[in-house]
Protein backbone atom coordinates (compact mmCIF):
# COMPACT_ATOMS: atom_id res chain seq x y z
CA MET A 1 17.15 -6.91 -2.58
CA SER A 2 14.88 -7.73 -5.52
CA VAL A 3 11.23 -6.74 -6.07
CA THR A 4 8.77 -9.64 -7.47
CA THR A 5 5.40 -8.74 -8.46
CA LEU A 6 2.72 -11.57 -8.26
CA HIS A 7 -0.64 -11.46 -10.17
CA ILE A 8 -2.98 -13.49 -7.80
CA THR A 9 -6.54 -14.51 -8.58
CA GLY A 10 -9.09 -15.70 -6.16
CA MET A 11 -8.78 -12.93 -3.50
CA THR A 12 -12.37 -11.37 -2.70
CA CYS A 13 -11.94 -9.89 0.69
CA GLY A 14 -9.66 -8.29 3.44
CA HIS A 15 -9.27 -12.05 5.10
CA CYS A 16 -7.80 -13.07 1.89
CA VAL A 17 -5.33 -10.20 1.76
CA ALA A 18 -4.16 -11.12 5.30
CA ALA A 19 -3.86 -14.62 4.52
CA VAL A 20 -1.54 -14.05 1.59
CA THR A 21 0.36 -11.47 3.29
CA LYS A 22 1.02 -13.72 6.06
CA ALA A 23 2.20 -16.60 3.67
CA LEU A 24 4.37 -14.33 1.85
CA GLN A 25 6.18 -12.98 4.85
CA ALA A 26 6.88 -16.37 6.16
CA VAL A 27 8.84 -17.33 3.29
CA GLY A 28 12.43 -17.10 4.07
CA GLY A 29 14.03 -13.67 2.29
CA VAL A 30 10.97 -11.87 2.12
CA GLU A 31 11.64 -8.45 3.64
CA SER A 32 8.19 -6.83 3.01
CA ALA A 33 5.06 -7.85 1.13
CA GLN A 34 2.45 -5.34 0.14
CA VAL A 35 -0.99 -7.23 -1.22
CA SER A 36 -3.47 -5.19 -3.20
CA LEU A 37 -7.16 -6.90 -3.19
CA GLU A 38 -7.98 -3.88 -6.11
CA ARG A 39 -5.18 -4.75 -8.27
CA GLN A 40 -5.13 -8.42 -7.58
CA GLU A 41 -1.30 -8.43 -6.69
CA ALA A 42 1.74 -8.65 -4.39
CA ILE A 43 4.87 -6.65 -4.49
CA VAL A 44 7.37 -8.62 -2.50
CA LYS A 45 10.74 -7.07 -1.60
CA GLY A 46 13.62 -9.33 -0.55
CA ASN A 47 15.84 -12.14 -1.77
CA ALA A 48 13.01 -15.34 -1.66
CA PRO A 49 12.91 -17.27 -5.04
CA ALA A 50 9.86 -16.40 -7.07
CA ASP A 51 8.72 -20.11 -7.01
CA GLN A 52 8.53 -20.14 -3.51
CA LEU A 53 6.29 -17.14 -3.36
CA VAL A 54 3.94 -18.74 -5.79
CA ARG A 55 4.09 -21.84 -3.62
CA ALA A 56 3.14 -19.92 -0.70
CA VAL A 57 0.38 -18.32 -2.11
CA GLU A 58 -1.17 -21.34 -3.79
CA GLY A 59 -0.81 -22.98 -0.46
CA GLU A 60 -3.50 -20.63 0.77
CA GLY A 61 -5.73 -21.56 -1.96
CA TYR A 62 -5.14 -18.69 -4.57
CA LYS A 63 -3.50 -18.79 -7.90
CA ALA A 64 -0.36 -17.05 -8.41
CA LYS A 65 2.18 -16.27 -11.39
CA VAL A 66 5.21 -13.87 -11.78
CA VAL A 67 4.35 -10.78 -13.73
């Protein structure tokens, strides 16, 4: 299992956090996803490829990059 940290921009509220969390958890290989509004980041545990995680976040309308 690996840990991937994503910097996410565009989140402004709890709904944003919920949407990003749900999108990340839907990616195959994700065991857990913790999204922080305050730090504008997500910590994802599992074996999902980083590019799929970024695409999932961007699919919800936010910007993401691997830290």
